Amino acid sequence: MRTVLRNVFQQHPVLVAWVILAVGMVAMLLYAAKDVALLPTQLLALVVATVLLAGACVWILTWE
């Protein structure tokens, strides 16, 4: 299992960084929105936007 994770990270470091950042950002979003009366579709839209934002952040950070 450990070697599989290491191989995935070595072959796709940007994708792994995107997933890790997206998970952290979505967790913070859900924590911050727990007391807000959002409809499920609104929450889904925020989660999708957050995941896309995480991807954009990782993409910008990998520019050389």
PDB file of N, CA and C in Angstrom:
ATOM      1  N   MET A   1       0.828  -1.198   0.000  1.00  0.00           N
ATOM      2  CA  MET A   1       0.000   0.000   0.000  1.00  0.00           C
ATOM      3  C   MET A   1       0.867   1.255   0.000  1.00  0.00           C
ATOM      4  N   ARG A   2       1.915   1.216   0.800  1.00  0.00           N
ATOM      5  CA  ARG A   2       2.797   2.376   0.894  1.00  0.00           C
ATOM      6  C   ARG A   2       3.522   2.634  -0.419  1.00  0.00           C
ATOM      7  N   THR A   3       3.954   1.582  -1.077  1.00  0.00           N
ATOM      8  CA  THR A   3       4.641   1.773  -2.351  1.00  0.00           C
ATOM      9  C   THR A   3       3.680   2.244  -3.436  1.00  0.00           C
ATOM     10  N   VAL A   4       2.424   1.826  -3.349  1.00  0.00           N
ATOM     11  CA  VAL A   4       1.426   2.288  -4.318  1.00  0.00           C
ATOM     12  C   VAL A   4       1.231   3.788  -4.174  1.00  0.00           C
ATOM     13  N   LEU A   5       1.080   4.263  -2.937  1.00  0.00           N
ATOM     14  CA  LEU A   5       0.922   5.693  -2.703  1.00  0.00           C
ATOM     15  C   LEU A   5       2.157   6.467  -3.148  1.00  0.00           C
ATOM     16  N   ARG A   6       3.323   5.911  -2.881  1.00  0.00           N
ATOM     17  CA  ARG A   6       4.562   6.576  -3.291  1.00  0.00           C
ATOM     18  C   ARG A   6       4.654   6.655  -4.810  1.00  0.00           C
ATOM     19  N   ASN A   7       4.265   5.596  -5.498  1.00  0.00           N
ATOM     20  CA  ASN A   7       4.303   5.596  -6.955  1.00  0.00           C
ATOM     21  C   ASN A   7       3.315   6.602  -7.534  1.00  0.00           C
ATOM     22  N   VAL A   8       2.121   6.666  -6.959  1.00  0.00           N
ATOM     23  CA  VAL A   8       1.126   7.631  -7.438  1.00  0.00           C
ATOM     24  C   VAL A   8       1.648   9.046  -7.232  1.00  0.00           C
ATOM     25  N   PHE A   9       2.236   9.322  -6.080  1.00  0.00           N
ATOM     26  CA  PHE A   9       2.757  10.659  -5.817  1.00  0.00           C
ATOM     27  C   PHE A   9       3.902  11.006  -6.750  1.00  0.00           C
ATOM     28  N   GLN A  10       4.762  10.054  -7.036  1.00  0.00           N
ATOM     29  CA  GLN A  10       5.898  10.320  -7.917  1.00  0.00           C
ATOM     30  C   GLN A  10       5.459  10.500  -9.364  1.00  0.00           C
ATOM     31  N   GLN A  11       4.408   9.808  -9.786  1.00  0.00           N
ATOM     32  CA  GLN A  11       3.960   9.902 -11.165  1.00  0.00           C
ATOM     33  C   GLN A  11       3.025  11.084 -11.388  1.00  0.00           C
ATOM     34  N   HIS A  12       2.260  11.480 -10.382  1.00  0.00           N
ATOM     35  CA  HIS A  12       1.260  12.543 -10.521  1.00  0.00           C
ATOM     36  C   HIS A  12       1.304  13.499  -9.319  1.00  0.00           C
ATOM     37  N   PRO A  13       2.401  14.221  -9.134  1.00  0.00           N
ATOM     38  CA  PRO A  13       2.489  15.078  -7.936  1.00  0.00           C
ATOM     39  C   PRO A  13       1.488  16.229  -7.943  1.00  0.00           C
ATOM     40  N   VAL A  14       1.165  16.780  -9.097  1.00  0.00           N
ATOM     41  CA  VAL A  14       0.219  17.895  -9.159  1.00  0.00           C
ATOM     42  C   VAL A  14      -1.187  17.415  -8.809  1.00  0.00           C
ATOM     43  N   LEU A  15      -1.556  16.258  -9.317  1.00  0.00           N
ATOM     44  CA  LEU A  15      -2.875  15.704  -9.027  1.00  0.00           C
ATOM     45  C   LEU A  15      -3.015  15.377  -7.541  1.00  0.00           C
ATOM     46  N   VAL A  16      -1.985  14.840  -6.945  1.00  0.00           N
ATOM     47  CA  VAL A  16      -2.019  14.524  -5.509  1.00  0.00           C
ATOM     48  C   VAL A  16      -2.116  15.806  -4.689  1.00  0.00           C
ATOM     49  N   ALA A  17      -1.359  16.827  -5.080  1.00  0.00           N
ATOM     50  CA  ALA A  17      -1.432  18.107  -4.370  1.00  0.00           C
ATOM     51  C   ALA A  17      -2.823  18.705  -4.497  1.00  0.00           C
ATOM     52  N   TRP A  18      -3.442  18.577  -5.669  1.00  0.00           N
ATOM     53  CA  TRP A  18      -4.792  19.092  -5.883  1.00  0.00           C
ATOM     54  C   TRP A  18      -5.777  18.387  -4.955  1.00  0.00           C
ATOM     55  N   VAL A  19      -5.678  17.069  -4.868  1.00  0.00           N
ATOM     56  CA  VAL A  19      -6.595  16.305  -4.022  1.00  0.00           C
ATOM     57  C   VAL A  19      -6.417  16.684  -2.553  1.00  0.00           C
ATOM     58  N   ILE A  20      -5.185  16.771  -2.116  1.00  0.00           N
ATOM     59  CA  ILE A  20      -4.930  17.095  -0.708  1.00  0.00           C
ATOM     60  C   ILE A  20      -5.435  18.497  -0.376  1.00  0.00           C
ATOM     61  N   LEU A  21      -5.136  19.465  -1.250  1.00  0.00           N
ATOM     62  CA  LEU A  21      -5.593  20.829  -1.006  1.00  0.00           C
ATOM     63  C   LEU A  21      -7.114  20.917  -1.076  1.00  0.00           C
ATOM     64  N   ALA A  22      -7.715  20.223  -2.018  1.00  0.00           N
ATOM     65  CA  ALA A  22      -9.174  20.258  -2.154  1.00  0.00           C
ATOM     66  C   ALA A  22      -9.857  19.663  -0.926  1.00  0.00           C
ATOM     67  N   VAL A  23      -9.335  18.577  -0.413  1.00  0.00           N
ATOM     68  CA  VAL A  23      -9.929  17.967   0.782  1.00  0.00           C
ATOM     69  C   VAL A  23      -9.858  18.925   1.960  1.00  0.00           C
ATOM     70  N   GLY A  24      -8.712  19.559   2.145  1.00  0.00           N
ATOM     71  CA  GLY A  24      -8.571  20.516   3.240  1.00  0.00           C
ATOM     72  C   GLY A  24      -9.487  21.721   3.081  1.00  0.00           C
ATOM     73  N   MET A  25      -9.576  22.243   1.868  1.00  0.00           N
ATOM     74  CA  MET A  25     -10.417  23.417   1.629  1.00  0.00           C
ATOM     75  C   MET A  25     -11.897  23.089   1.781  1.00  0.00           C
ATOM     76  N   VAL A  26     -12.309  21.922   1.307  1.00  0.00           N
ATOM     77  CA  VAL A  26     -13.720  21.528   1.454  1.00  0.00           C
ATOM     78  C   VAL A  26     -14.050  21.289   2.922  1.00  0.00           C
ATOM     79  N   ALA A  27     -13.119  20.717   3.666  1.00  0.00           N
ATOM     80  CA  ALA A  27     -13.353  20.511   5.096  1.00  0.00           C
ATOM     81  C   ALA A  27     -13.543  21.855   5.807  1.00  0.00           C
ATOM     82  N   MET A  28     -12.702  22.839   5.469  1.00  0.00           N
ATOM     83  CA  MET A  28     -12.862  24.161   6.073  1.00  0.00           C
ATOM     84  C   MET A  28     -14.169  24.818   5.643  1.00  0.00           C
ATOM     85  N   LEU A  29     -14.546  24.638   4.390  1.00  0.00           N
ATOM     86  CA  LEU A  29     -15.807  25.197   3.903  1.00  0.00           C
ATOM     87  C   LEU A  29     -16.996  24.599   4.643  1.00  0.00           C
ATOM     88  N   LEU A  30     -17.012  23.287   4.781  1.00  0.00           N
ATOM     89  CA  LEU A  30     -18.131  22.634   5.463  1.00  0.00           C
ATOM     90  C   LEU A  30     -18.193  23.018   6.934  1.00  0.00           C
ATOM     91  N   TYR A  31     -17.035  23.183   7.550  1.00  0.00           N
ATOM     92  CA  TYR A  31     -17.019  23.620   8.949  1.00  0.00           C
ATOM     93  C   TYR A  31     -17.549  25.046   9.077  1.00  0.00           C
ATOM     94  N   ALA A  32     -17.132  25.920   8.161  1.00  0.00           N
ATOM     95  CA  ALA A  32     -17.556  27.317   8.229  1.00  0.00           C
ATOM     96  C   ALA A  32     -19.035  27.481   7.889  1.00  0.00           C
ATOM     97  N   ALA A  33     -19.578  26.571   7.072  1.00  0.00           N
ATOM     98  CA  ALA A  33     -20.964  26.696   6.625  1.00  0.00           C
ATOM     99  C   ALA A  33     -21.936  25.859   7.448  1.00  0.00           C
ATOM    100  N   LYS A  34     -21.486  25.308   8.550  1.00  0.00           N
ATOM    101  CA  LYS A  34     -22.358  24.408   9.311  1.00  0.00           C
ATOM    102  C   LYS A  34     -23.546  25.125   9.943  1.00  0.00           C
ATOM    103  N   ASP A  35     -23.394  26.392  10.292  1.00  0.00           N
ATOM    104  CA  ASP A  35     -24.486  27.132  10.920  1.00  0.00           C
ATOM    105  C   ASP A  35     -25.239  28.029   9.950  1.00  0.00           C
ATOM    106  N   VAL A  36     -24.933  27.899   8.667  1.00  0.00           N
ATOM    107  CA  VAL A  36     -25.583  28.717   7.646  1.00  0.00           C
ATOM    108  C   VAL A  36     -26.655  27.870   6.976  1.00  0.00           C
ATOM    109  N   ALA A  37     -27.815  28.442   6.780  1.00  0.00           N
ATOM    110  CA  ALA A  37     -28.923  27.701   6.173  1.00  0.00           C
ATOM    111  C   ALA A  37     -28.779  27.718   4.651  1.00  0.00           C
ATOM    112  N   LEU A  38     -27.996  26.780   4.139  1.00  0.00           N
ATOM    113  CA  LEU A  38     -27.806  26.663   2.696  1.00  0.00           C
ATOM    114  C   LEU A  38     -28.624  25.491   2.162  1.00  0.00           C
ATOM    115  N   LEU A  39     -29.135  25.663   0.977  1.00  0.00           N
ATOM    116  CA  LEU A  39     -29.794  24.548   0.303  1.00  0.00           C
ATOM    117  C   LEU A  39     -28.735  23.558  -0.156  1.00  0.00           C
ATOM    118  N   PRO A  40     -29.098  22.288  -0.307  1.00  0.00           N
ATOM    119  CA  PRO A  40     -28.110  21.297  -0.761  1.00  0.00           C
ATOM    120  C   PRO A  40     -27.470  21.663  -2.103  1.00  0.00           C
ATOM    121  N   THR A  41     -28.233  22.247  -3.011  1.00  0.00           N
ATOM    122  CA  THR A  41     -27.651  22.636  -4.300  1.00  0.00           C
ATOM    123  C   THR A  41     -26.663  23.789  -4.144  1.00  0.00           C
ATOM    124  N   GLN A  42     -26.938  24.689  -3.216  1.00  0.00           N
ATOM    125  CA  GLN A  42     -26.002  25.784  -2.958  1.00  0.00           C
ATOM    126  C   GLN A  42     -24.709  25.255  -2.359  1.00  0.00           C
ATOM    127  N   LEU A  43     -24.837  24.321  -1.430  1.00  0.00           N
ATOM    128  CA  LEU A  43     -23.653  23.729  -0.819  1.00  0.00           C
ATOM    129  C   LEU A  43     -22.847  22.947  -1.847  1.00  0.00           C
ATOM    130  N   LEU A  44     -23.535  22.225  -2.717  1.00  0.00           N
ATOM    131  CA  LEU A  44     -22.848  21.488  -3.775  1.00  0.00           C
ATOM    132  C   LEU A  44     -22.111  22.438  -4.709  1.00  0.00           C
ATOM    133  N   ALA A  45     -22.729  23.549  -5.060  1.00  0.00           N
ATOM    134  CA  ALA A  45     -22.076  24.537  -5.924  1.00  0.00           C
ATOM    135  C   ALA A  45     -20.829  25.107  -5.253  1.00  0.00           C
ATOM    136  N   LEU A  46     -20.913  25.364  -3.956  1.00  0.00           N
ATOM    137  CA  LEU A  46     -19.747  25.861  -3.230  1.00  0.00           C
ATOM    138  C   LEU A  46     -18.627  24.827  -3.176  1.00  0.00           C
ATOM    139  N   VAL A  47     -18.977  23.574  -2.982  1.00  0.00           N
ATOM    140  CA  VAL A  47     -17.971  22.514  -2.944  1.00  0.00           C
ATOM    141  C   VAL A  47     -17.292  22.372  -4.308  1.00  0.00           C
ATOM    142  N   VAL A  48     -18.077  22.397  -5.375  1.00  0.00           N
ATOM    143  CA  VAL A  48     -17.502  22.290  -6.722  1.00  0.00           C
ATOM    144  C   VAL A  48     -16.581  23.476  -7.003  1.00  0.00           C
ATOM    145  N   ALA A  49     -17.032  24.673  -6.652  1.00  0.00           N
ATOM    146  CA  ALA A  49     -16.200  25.863  -6.860  1.00  0.00           C
ATOM    147  C   ALA A  49     -14.914  25.783  -6.035  1.00  0.00           C
ATOM    148  N   THR A  50     -15.005  25.241  -4.832  1.00  0.00           N
ATOM    149  CA  THR A  50     -13.832  25.113  -3.974  1.00  0.00           C
ATOM    150  C   THR A  50     -12.834  24.125  -4.554  1.00  0.00           C
ATOM    151  N   VAL A  51     -13.312  23.009  -5.072  1.00  0.00           N
ATOM    152  CA  VAL A  51     -12.420  22.015  -5.680  1.00  0.00           C
ATOM    153  C   VAL A  51     -11.744  22.601  -6.922  1.00  0.00           C
ATOM    154  N   LEU A  52     -12.494  23.324  -7.724  1.00  0.00           N
ATOM    155  CA  LEU A  52     -11.901  23.963  -8.904  1.00  0.00           C
ATOM    156  C   LEU A  52     -10.892  25.035  -8.503  1.00  0.00           C
ATOM    157  N   LEU A  53     -11.187  25.777  -7.454  1.00  0.00           N
ATOM    158  CA  LEU A  53     -10.243  26.776  -6.962  1.00  0.00           C
ATOM    159  C   LEU A  53      -8.960  26.118  -6.465  1.00  0.00           C
ATOM    160  N   ALA A  54      -9.082  25.000  -5.784  1.00  0.00           N
ATOM    161  CA  ALA A  54      -7.891  24.278  -5.330  1.00  0.00           C
ATOM    162  C   ALA A  54      -7.052  23.837  -6.523  1.00  0.00           C
ATOM    163  N   GLY A  55      -7.706  23.365  -7.578  1.00  0.00           N
ATOM    164  CA  GLY A  55      -6.975  22.981  -8.783  1.00  0.00           C
ATOM    165  C   GLY A  55      -6.273  24.156  -9.420  1.00  0.00           C
ATOM    166  N   ALA A  56      -6.937  25.302  -9.465  1.00  0.00           N
ATOM    167  CA  ALA A  56      -6.313  26.504 -10.024  1.00  0.00           C
ATOM    168  C   ALA A  56      -5.115  26.941  -9.183  1.00  0.00           C
ATOM    169  N   CYS A  57      -5.251  26.852  -7.874  1.00  0.00           N
ATOM    170  CA  CYS A  57      -4.135  27.226  -6.981  1.00  0.00           C
ATOM    171  C   CYS A  57      -2.917  26.337  -7.217  1.00  0.00           C
ATOM    172  N   VAL A  58      -3.144  25.035  -7.294  1.00  0.00           N
ATOM    173  CA  VAL A  58      -2.034  24.117  -7.524  1.00  0.00           C
ATOM    174  C   VAL A  58      -1.425  24.348  -8.894  1.00  0.00           C
ATOM    175  N   TRP A  59      -2.262  24.586  -9.881  1.00  0.00           N
ATOM    176  CA  TRP A  59      -1.767  24.836 -11.237  1.00  0.00           C
ATOM    177  C   TRP A  59      -0.901  26.089 -11.276  1.00  0.00           C
ATOM    178  N   ILE A  60      -1.348  27.155 -10.617  1.00  0.00           N
ATOM    179  CA  ILE A  60      -0.560  28.399 -10.595  1.00  0.00           C
ATOM    180  C   ILE A  60       0.747  28.192  -9.849  1.00  0.00           C
ATOM    181  N   LEU A  61       0.712  27.438  -8.760  1.00  0.00           N
ATOM    182  CA  LEU A  61       1.943  27.209  -7.981  1.00  0.00           C
ATOM    183  C   LEU A  61       2.968  26.374  -8.732  1.00  0.00           C
ATOM    184  N   THR A  62       2.540  25.612  -9.728  1.00  0.00           N
ATOM    185  CA  THR A  62       3.490  24.771 -10.472  1.00  0.00           C
ATOM    186  C   THR A  62       4.070  25.486 -11.677  1.00  0.00           C
ATOM    187  N   TRP A  63       3.666  26.732 -11.938  1.00  0.00           N
ATOM    188  CA  TRP A  63       4.276  27.483 -13.033  1.00  0.00           C
ATOM    189  C   TRP A  63       5.746  27.710 -12.723  1.00  0.00           C
ATOM    190  N   GLU A  64       6.543  27.653 -13.760  1.00  0.00           N
ATOM    191  CA  GLU A  64       7.978  27.886 -13.558  1.00  0.00           C
ATOM    192  C   GLU A  64       8.403  29.189 -14.157  1.00  0.00           C
TER     193      GLU A  64
END
